[in-house]
Amino acid sequence: MQTHGLFIAGTDTDVGKTRVAAALARELTAAGRRVGVYKPVASGWNGAASSDAAALWEAAGRPGTLAAVCPQVFRAALSPPRAAALEGRCVDEQLVRAGFSTAAANRDIVVVEGAGGLFSPLSERWLNVDLACLLGLPVVIVDSARLGAIGRTLATARAARAAGATVVAVVLSQVAPPHGCADDPAGDERIARDSAADIERLLARVPVARLRHEAPRVEPAIDWWARSELVGRS
């Protein structure tokens, strides 16, 4: 039986990918699935304990080892290939693929978190979207639940499809506490709600959910197992 998978991709960096990936890993684990988690490469590394990889590993119930969750790390907060070059190294593409196989071993599903935006460089040759296609992973697009989410998400989804990726869901993540103003006290909540509705209408047949600030799970519920069937590897 082939392992299922999901590639969690942002429209940009710092839009809440790790929170969403961890929420999905927790939900699938709670449903009885054996969940693997994988962060192929990370830059801006300042120690394992506070890393995105640690958050994913904990959410999935600590499968394997933390080192295997993110086998390639670089200190500078730059794109991975640039950060690697500062250390006289390069992102090892063979290790990127091998690391996924390790994460998938004896697992029902692997939740993969990309590095930066879907069209950010992952290595000298690959963008994040290239890896999603190479691994045959359906893509979950994450954007921050703020003004502009509609345009950012639609642009990323259209570009993803043009690159050969399959977009199976969108999650809008509230990365900061919601706030309003005197004229519109519910401003942030209104923007998030309306953006989700418009994106779902414009991306026909792609469900859109939200992860509210400090919430443990994505709502409304999506059948992530059904959405995670592999779409064919390159």
C-alpha atoms as a PDB file:
ATOM      1  CA  MET A   1       0.000   0.000   0.000  1.00  0.00           C
ATOM      2  CA  GLN A   2       1.391   3.365  -1.033  1.00  0.00           C
ATOM      3  CA  THR A   3       1.875   6.029   1.606  1.00  0.00           C
ATOM      4  CA  HIS A   4      -0.439   9.023   1.348  1.00  0.00           C
ATOM      5  CA  GLY A   5       0.979  12.541   1.604  1.00  0.00           C
ATOM      6  CA  LEU A   6       0.258  16.262   1.778  1.00  0.00           C
ATOM      7  CA  PHE A   7       2.610  19.105   0.835  1.00  0.00           C
ATOM      8  CA  ILE A   8       1.898  22.157   2.991  1.00  0.00           C
ATOM      9  CA  ALA A   9       2.913  25.225   0.986  1.00  0.00           C
ATOM     10  CA  GLY A  10       2.683  28.910   1.733  1.00  0.00           C
ATOM     11  CA  THR A  11       1.923  31.824  -0.531  1.00  0.00           C
ATOM     12  CA  ASP A  12       4.948  33.402   1.186  1.00  0.00           C
ATOM     13  CA  THR A  13       7.105  32.918   4.255  1.00  0.00           C
ATOM     14  CA  ASP A  14       5.688  33.472   7.764  1.00  0.00           C
ATOM     15  CA  VAL A  15       2.064  32.826   6.811  1.00  0.00           C
ATOM     16  CA  GLY A  16       1.450  30.024   9.324  1.00  0.00           C
ATOM     17  CA  LYS A  17       2.555  26.883   7.459  1.00  0.00           C
ATOM     18  CA  THR A  18       3.998  25.172  10.523  1.00  0.00           C
ATOM     19  CA  ARG A  19       0.855  25.745  12.596  1.00  0.00           C
ATOM     20  CA  VAL A  20      -1.277  24.294   9.820  1.00  0.00           C
ATOM     21  CA  ALA A  21       1.029  21.332   9.178  1.00  0.00           C
ATOM     22  CA  ALA A  22       1.142  20.544  12.899  1.00  0.00           C
ATOM     23  CA  ALA A  23      -2.644  20.834  13.201  1.00  0.00           C
ATOM     24  CA  LEU A  24      -3.116  18.377  10.334  1.00  0.00           C
ATOM     25  CA  ALA A  25      -0.554  15.976  11.803  1.00  0.00           C
ATOM     26  CA  ARG A  26      -2.329  16.058  15.180  1.00  0.00           C
ATOM     27  CA  GLU A  27      -5.733  15.516  13.601  1.00  0.00           C
ATOM     28  CA  LEU A  28      -4.573  12.569  11.497  1.00  0.00           C
ATOM     29  CA  THR A  29      -2.735  11.025  14.453  1.00  0.00           C
ATOM     30  CA  ALA A  30      -5.846  11.362  16.627  1.00  0.00           C
ATOM     31  CA  ALA A  31      -7.808   9.574  13.887  1.00  0.00           C
ATOM     32  CA  GLY A  32      -5.494   6.577  14.225  1.00  0.00           C
ATOM     33  CA  ARG A  33      -3.243   7.182  11.223  1.00  0.00           C
ATOM     34  CA  ARG A  34       0.489   6.550  11.491  1.00  0.00           C
ATOM     35  CA  VAL A  35       1.770   9.997  10.543  1.00  0.00           C
ATOM     36  CA  GLY A  36       5.245  10.874   9.339  1.00  0.00           C
ATOM     37  CA  VAL A  37       6.372  14.503   9.167  1.00  0.00           C
ATOM     38  CA  TYR A  38       9.084  16.011   7.010  1.00  0.00           C
ATOM     39  CA  LYS A  39      10.697  19.425   6.569  1.00  0.00           C
ATOM     40  CA  PRO A  40      13.186  18.830   3.725  1.00  0.00           C
ATOM     41  CA  VAL A  41      15.382  21.819   4.510  1.00  0.00           C
ATOM     42  CA  ALA A  42      15.370  24.761   6.916  1.00  0.00           C
ATOM     43  CA  SER A  43      17.268  28.039   6.978  1.00  0.00           C
ATOM     44  CA  GLY A  44      17.422  30.515   9.840  1.00  0.00           C
ATOM     45  CA  TRP A  45      18.206  27.546  12.092  1.00  0.00           C
ATOM     46  CA  ASN A  46      18.784  28.403  15.751  1.00  0.00           C
ATOM     47  CA  GLY A  47      18.463  25.039  17.424  1.00  0.00           C
ATOM     48  CA  ALA A  48      16.264  21.971  17.266  1.00  0.00           C
ATOM     49  CA  ALA A  49      14.167  22.611  20.375  1.00  0.00           C
ATOM     50  CA  SER A  50      12.439  25.725  18.993  1.00  0.00           C
ATOM     51  CA  SER A  51      12.317  24.667  15.357  1.00  0.00           C
ATOM     52  CA  ASP A  52       9.467  24.064  12.937  1.00  0.00           C
ATOM     53  CA  ALA A  53      10.677  20.463  12.752  1.00  0.00           C
ATOM     54  CA  ALA A  54      10.221  20.033  16.507  1.00  0.00           C
ATOM     55  CA  ALA A  55       6.653  21.352  16.309  1.00  0.00           C
ATOM     56  CA  LEU A  56       5.831  18.873  13.540  1.00  0.00           C
ATOM     57  CA  TRP A  57       7.521  15.983  15.336  1.00  0.00           C
ATOM     58  CA  GLU A  58       5.638  16.619  18.571  1.00  0.00           C
ATOM     59  CA  ALA A  59       2.321  16.985  16.731  1.00  0.00           C
ATOM     60  CA  ALA A  60       2.744  13.580  15.091  1.00  0.00           C
ATOM     61  CA  GLY A  61       3.646  11.829  18.342  1.00  0.00           C
ATOM     62  CA  ARG A  62       7.434  11.836  17.807  1.00  0.00           C
ATOM     63  CA  PRO A  63       7.788   9.344  14.940  1.00  0.00           C
ATOM     64  CA  GLY A  64      11.384   8.307  14.182  1.00  0.00           C
ATOM     65  CA  THR A  65      13.948  10.899  15.228  1.00  0.00           C
ATOM     66  CA  LEU A  66      13.839  14.688  15.271  1.00  0.00           C
ATOM     67  CA  ALA A  67      17.026  14.812  13.196  1.00  0.00           C
ATOM     68  CA  ALA A  68      15.314  12.830  10.434  1.00  0.00           C
ATOM     69  CA  VAL A  69      12.381  15.256  10.301  1.00  0.00           C
ATOM     70  CA  CYS A  70      14.667  18.015   8.973  1.00  0.00           C
ATOM     71  CA  PRO A  71      18.000  16.529   7.835  1.00  0.00           C
ATOM     72  CA  GLN A  72      19.389  19.702   6.226  1.00  0.00           C
ATOM     73  CA  VAL A  73      19.628  22.930   8.222  1.00  0.00           C
ATOM     74  CA  PHE A  74      21.448  26.218   7.625  1.00  0.00           C
ATOM     75  CA  ARG A  75      21.991  29.175   9.944  1.00  0.00           C
ATOM     76  CA  ALA A  76      21.299  32.235   7.777  1.00  0.00           C
ATOM     77  CA  ALA A  77      17.684  33.371   7.407  1.00  0.00           C
ATOM     78  CA  LEU A  78      17.865  33.330   3.609  1.00  0.00           C
ATOM     79  CA  SER A  79      16.585  31.006   0.919  1.00  0.00           C
ATOM     80  CA  PRO A  80      18.046  27.525   1.555  1.00  0.00           C
ATOM     81  CA  PRO A  81      20.457  27.585  -1.412  1.00  0.00           C
ATOM     82  CA  ARG A  82      21.753  31.041  -0.426  1.00  0.00           C
ATOM     83  CA  ALA A  83      22.050  30.062   3.232  1.00  0.00           C
ATOM     84  CA  ALA A  84      23.875  26.878   2.263  1.00  0.00           C
ATOM     85  CA  ALA A  85      26.309  28.801   0.044  1.00  0.00           C
ATOM     86  CA  LEU A  86      27.316  31.019   2.974  1.00  0.00           C
ATOM     87  CA  GLU A  87      28.470  27.840   4.733  1.00  0.00           C
ATOM     88  CA  GLY A  88      30.298  26.534   1.676  1.00  0.00           C
ATOM     89  CA  ARG A  89      27.625  23.902   1.185  1.00  0.00           C
ATOM     90  CA  CYS A  90      24.715  23.191  -1.116  1.00  0.00           C
ATOM     91  CA  VAL A  91      21.285  21.676  -0.618  1.00  0.00           C
ATOM     92  CA  ASP A  92      21.659  17.959  -1.330  1.00  0.00           C
ATOM     93  CA  GLU A  93      18.764  17.076  -3.641  1.00  0.00           C
ATOM     94  CA  GLN A  94      19.417  13.347  -3.338  1.00  0.00           C
ATOM     95  CA  LEU A  95      19.138  13.670   0.444  1.00  0.00           C
ATOM     96  CA  VAL A  96      15.910  15.651   0.038  1.00  0.00           C
ATOM     97  CA  ARG A  97      14.321  12.698  -1.765  1.00  0.00           C
ATOM     98  CA  ALA A  98      15.889  10.094   0.512  1.00  0.00           C
ATOM     99  CA  GLY A  99      14.649  11.994   3.549  1.00  0.00           C
ATOM    100  CA  PHE A 100      11.085  11.728   2.298  1.00  0.00           C
ATOM    101  CA  SER A 101      11.475   7.965   1.923  1.00  0.00           C
ATOM    102  CA  THR A 102      12.728   7.791   5.503  1.00  0.00           C
ATOM    103  CA  ALA A 103       9.758   9.828   6.747  1.00  0.00           C
ATOM    104  CA  ALA A 104       7.346   7.590   4.825  1.00  0.00           C
ATOM    105  CA  ALA A 105       8.760   4.276   6.090  1.00  0.00           C
ATOM    106  CA  ASN A 106       6.067   2.363   8.014  1.00  0.00           C
ATOM    107  CA  ARG A 107       3.763   5.397   7.935  1.00  0.00           C
ATOM    108  CA  ASP A 108       0.257   5.725   6.508  1.00  0.00           C
ATOM    109  CA  ILE A 109       0.720   9.358   5.525  1.00  0.00           C
ATOM    110  CA  VAL A 110       3.476  11.977   5.455  1.00  0.00           C
ATOM    111  CA  VAL A 111       2.830  15.671   6.089  1.00  0.00           C
ATOM    112  CA  VAL A 112       5.559  17.682   4.343  1.00  0.00           C
ATOM    113  CA  GLU A 113       6.133  21.357   5.100  1.00  0.00           C
ATOM    114  CA  GLY A 114       7.886  23.379   2.411  1.00  0.00           C
ATOM    115  CA  ALA A 115      10.466  26.105   2.988  1.00  0.00           C
ATOM    116  CA  GLY A 116       9.091  29.586   2.330  1.00  0.00           C
ATOM    117  CA  GLY A 117       6.541  30.097  -0.423  1.00  0.00           C
ATOM    118  CA  LEU A 118       5.515  27.464  -2.961  1.00  0.00           C
ATOM    119  CA  PHE A 119       7.622  29.208  -5.602  1.00  0.00           C
ATOM    120  CA  SER A 120      10.595  29.935  -3.339  1.00  0.00           C
ATOM    121  CA  PRO A 121      13.919  28.212  -4.121  1.00  0.00           C
ATOM    122  CA  LEU A 122      14.447  24.943  -2.263  1.00  0.00           C
ATOM    123  CA  SER A 123      17.775  24.067  -3.873  1.00  0.00           C
ATOM    124  CA  GLU A 124      19.924  25.289  -6.747  1.00  0.00           C
ATOM    125  CA  ARG A 125      17.558  23.644  -9.257  1.00  0.00           C
ATOM    126  CA  TRP A 126      14.271  23.132  -7.468  1.00  0.00           C
ATOM    127  CA  LEU A 127      11.497  25.364  -6.249  1.00  0.00           C
ATOM    128  CA  ASN A 128       9.184  24.002  -3.571  1.00  0.00           C
ATOM    129  CA  VAL A 129       6.563  23.294  -6.221  1.00  0.00           C
ATOM    130  CA  ASP A 130       9.065  21.139  -8.112  1.00  0.00           C
ATOM    131  CA  LEU A 131       9.527  18.916  -5.070  1.00  0.00           C
ATOM    132  CA  ALA A 132       5.778  18.565  -4.593  1.00  0.00           C
ATOM    133  CA  CYS A 133       5.500  17.396  -8.199  1.00  0.00           C
ATOM    134  CA  LEU A 134       8.539  15.097  -7.986  1.00  0.00           C
ATOM    135  CA  LEU A 135       7.099  13.372  -4.925  1.00  0.00           C
ATOM    136  CA  GLY A 136       3.580  13.281  -6.344  1.00  0.00           C
ATOM    137  CA  LEU A 137       2.153  15.112  -3.349  1.00  0.00           C
ATOM    138  CA  PRO A 138      -1.130  17.041  -3.428  1.00  0.00           C
ATOM    139  CA  VAL A 139      -0.692  20.624  -2.243  1.00  0.00           C
ATOM    140  CA  VAL A 140      -2.426  22.450   0.603  1.00  0.00           C
ATOM    141  CA  ILE A 141      -1.968  26.207   0.155  1.00  0.00           C
ATOM    142  CA  VAL A 142      -1.620  28.266   3.337  1.00  0.00           C
ATOM    143  CA  ASP A 143      -1.982  32.035   3.513  1.00  0.00           C
ATOM    144  CA  SER A 144      -2.371  34.445   6.390  1.00  0.00           C
ATOM    145  CA  ALA A 145      -5.961  35.468   7.075  1.00  0.00           C
ATOM    146  CA  ARG A 146      -5.492  39.145   6.312  1.00  0.00           C
ATOM    147  CA  LEU A 147      -6.335  41.636   3.598  1.00  0.00           C
ATOM    148  CA  GLY A 148      -4.994  40.461   0.235  1.00  0.00           C
ATOM    149  CA  ALA A 149      -5.468  36.748   0.906  1.00  0.00           C
ATOM    150  CA  ILE A 150      -7.769  36.311  -2.076  1.00  0.00           C
ATOM    151  CA  GLY A 151      -5.274  37.622  -4.622  1.00  0.00           C
ATOM    152  CA  ARG A 152      -2.275  35.871  -3.071  1.00  0.00           C
ATOM    153  CA  THR A 153      -4.048  32.541  -2.828  1.00  0.00           C
ATOM    154  CA  LEU A 154      -5.577  32.587  -6.305  1.00  0.00           C
ATOM    155  CA  ALA A 155      -2.249  33.576  -7.878  1.00  0.00           C
ATOM    156  CA  THR A 156      -0.448  30.757  -6.062  1.00  0.00           C
ATOM    157  CA  ALA A 157      -3.127  28.208  -6.960  1.00  0.00           C
ATOM    158  CA  ARG A 158      -3.112  29.122 -10.645  1.00  0.00           C
ATOM    159  CA  ALA A 159       0.670  29.053 -10.811  1.00  0.00           C
ATOM    160  CA  ALA A 160       0.729  25.717  -8.974  1.00  0.00           C
ATOM    161  CA  ARG A 161      -1.656  24.172 -11.463  1.00  0.00           C
ATOM    162  CA  ALA A 162       0.347  25.560 -14.380  1.00  0.00           C
ATOM    163  CA  ALA A 163       3.451  23.915 -12.896  1.00  0.00           C
ATOM    164  CA  GLY A 164       1.673  20.557 -12.748  1.00  0.00           C
ATOM    165  CA  ALA A 165       0.774  20.468  -9.044  1.00  0.00           C
ATOM    166  CA  THR A 166      -2.619  19.410  -7.706  1.00  0.00           C
ATOM    167  CA  VAL A 167      -4.136  21.832  -5.187  1.00  0.00           C
ATOM    168  CA  VAL A 168      -6.501  19.977  -2.838  1.00  0.00           C
ATOM    169  CA  ALA A 169      -7.256  22.547  -0.124  1.00  0.00           C
ATOM    170  CA  VAL A 170      -6.592  26.053   1.164  1.00  0.00           C
ATOM    171  CA  VAL A 171      -6.159  27.053   4.811  1.00  0.00           C
ATOM    172  CA  LEU A 172      -6.193  30.668   5.988  1.00  0.00           C
ATOM    173  CA  SER A 173      -4.175  30.981   9.187  1.00  0.00           C
ATOM    174  CA  GLN A 174      -4.534  33.767  11.743  1.00  0.00           C
ATOM    175  CA  VAL A 175      -0.921  34.318  12.736  1.00  0.00           C
ATOM    176  CA  ALA A 176      -1.766  37.126  15.195  1.00  0.00           C
ATOM    177  CA  PRO A 177      -4.709  37.881  17.494  1.00  0.00           C
ATOM    178  CA  PRO A 178      -7.625  39.405  15.556  1.00  0.00           C
ATOM    179  CA  HIS A 179      -8.382  43.063  16.070  1.00  0.00           C
ATOM    180  CA  GLY A 180     -10.608  45.696  14.573  1.00  0.00           C
ATOM    181  CA  CYS A 181     -10.937  49.455  14.639  1.00  0.00           C
ATOM    182  CA  ALA A 182     -13.497  51.966  15.849  1.00  0.00           C
ATOM    183  CA  ASP A 183     -15.366  51.883  12.541  1.00  0.00           C
ATOM    184  CA  ASP A 184     -15.287  48.078  12.243  1.00  0.00           C
ATOM    185  CA  PRO A 185     -14.592  46.248  15.535  1.00  0.00           C
ATOM    186  CA  ALA A 186     -14.858  42.859  13.819  1.00  0.00           C
ATOM    187  CA  GLY A 187     -12.612  43.879  10.931  1.00  0.00           C
ATOM    188  CA  ASP A 188     -10.087  41.025  10.969  1.00  0.00           C
ATOM    189  CA  GLU A 189     -12.761  38.392  11.515  1.00  0.00           C
ATOM    190  CA  ARG A 190     -14.824  39.819   8.662  1.00  0.00           C
ATOM    191  CA  ILE A 191     -11.818  39.834   6.312  1.00  0.00           C
ATOM    192  CA  ALA A 192     -10.946  36.234   7.175  1.00  0.00           C
ATOM    193  CA  ARG A 193     -14.517  34.985   6.808  1.00  0.00           C
ATOM    194  CA  ASP A 194     -15.200  36.811   3.553  1.00  0.00           C
ATOM    195  CA  SER A 195     -11.818  35.865   2.079  1.00  0.00           C
ATOM    196  CA  ALA A 196     -12.439  32.181   2.788  1.00  0.00           C
ATOM    197  CA  ALA A 197     -15.870  32.324   1.160  1.00  0.00           C
ATOM    198  CA  ASP A 198     -14.609  34.140  -1.939  1.00  0.00           C
ATOM    199  CA  ILE A 199     -11.601  31.851  -2.401  1.00  0.00           C
ATOM    200  CA  GLU A 200     -13.811  28.756  -2.163  1.00  0.00           C
ATOM    201  CA  ARG A 201     -16.204  30.208  -4.730  1.00  0.00           C
ATOM    202  CA  LEU A 202     -13.422  31.152  -7.143  1.00  0.00           C
ATOM    203  CA  LEU A 203     -11.437  27.922  -6.717  1.00  0.00           C
ATOM    204  CA  ALA A 204     -14.281  25.571  -7.557  1.00  0.00           C
ATOM    205  CA  ARG A 205     -14.077  22.130  -5.895  1.00  0.00           C
ATOM    206  CA  VAL A 206     -11.223  23.171  -3.574  1.00  0.00           C
ATOM    207  CA  PRO A 207     -12.307  23.372   0.085  1.00  0.00           C
ATOM    208  CA  VAL A 208     -11.170  26.345   2.144  1.00  0.00           C
ATOM    209  CA  ALA A 209     -10.763  26.194   5.923  1.00  0.00           C
ATOM    210  CA  ARG A 210      -9.395  28.452   8.651  1.00  0.00           C
ATOM    211  CA  LEU A 211      -7.005  28.039  11.553  1.00  0.00           C
ATOM    212  CA  ARG A 212      -7.853  30.714  14.078  1.00  0.00           C
ATOM    213  CA  HIS A 213      -5.215  32.252  16.332  1.00  0.00           C
ATOM    214  CA  GLU A 214      -4.178  29.724  19.008  1.00  0.00           C
ATOM    215  CA  ALA A 215      -6.864  27.250  17.868  1.00  0.00           C
ATOM    216  CA  PRO A 216      -5.777  23.578  17.946  1.00  0.00           C
ATOM    217  CA  ARG A 217      -7.487  22.487  14.745  1.00  0.00           C
ATOM    218  CA  VAL A 218      -8.553  23.615  11.302  1.00  0.00           C
ATOM    219  CA  GLU A 219     -12.246  24.408  10.799  1.00  0.00           C
ATOM    220  CA  PRO A 220     -14.505  23.519   9.163  1.00  0.00           C
ATOM    221  CA  ALA A 221     -13.336  19.912   9.162  1.00  0.00           C
ATOM    222  CA  ILE A 222     -11.826  18.522   5.969  1.00  0.00           C
ATOM    223  CA  ASP A 223     -11.241  14.815   5.265  1.00  0.00           C
ATOM    224  CA  TRP A 224      -7.454  15.123   5.010  1.00  0.00           C
ATOM    225  CA  TRP A 225      -6.999  11.400   4.452  1.00  0.00           C
ATOM    226  CA  ALA A 226      -9.217  11.498   1.358  1.00  0.00           C
ATOM    227  CA  ARG A 227      -7.391  14.602   0.121  1.00  0.00           C
ATOM    228  CA  SER A 228      -3.970  13.017   0.598  1.00  0.00           C
ATOM    229  CA  GLU A 229      -3.926  10.397  -2.141  1.00  0.00           C
ATOM    230  CA  LEU A 230      -0.733  10.648  -4.171  1.00  0.00           C
ATOM    231  CA  VAL A 231      -1.163  12.180  -7.606  1.00  0.00           C
ATOM    232  CA  GLY A 232       1.756  10.509  -9.381  1.00  0.00           C
ATOM    233  CA  ARG A 233       5.492  11.040  -9.132  1.00  0.00           C
ATOM    234  CA  SER A 234       7.807  12.508 -11.749  1.00  0.00           C
END
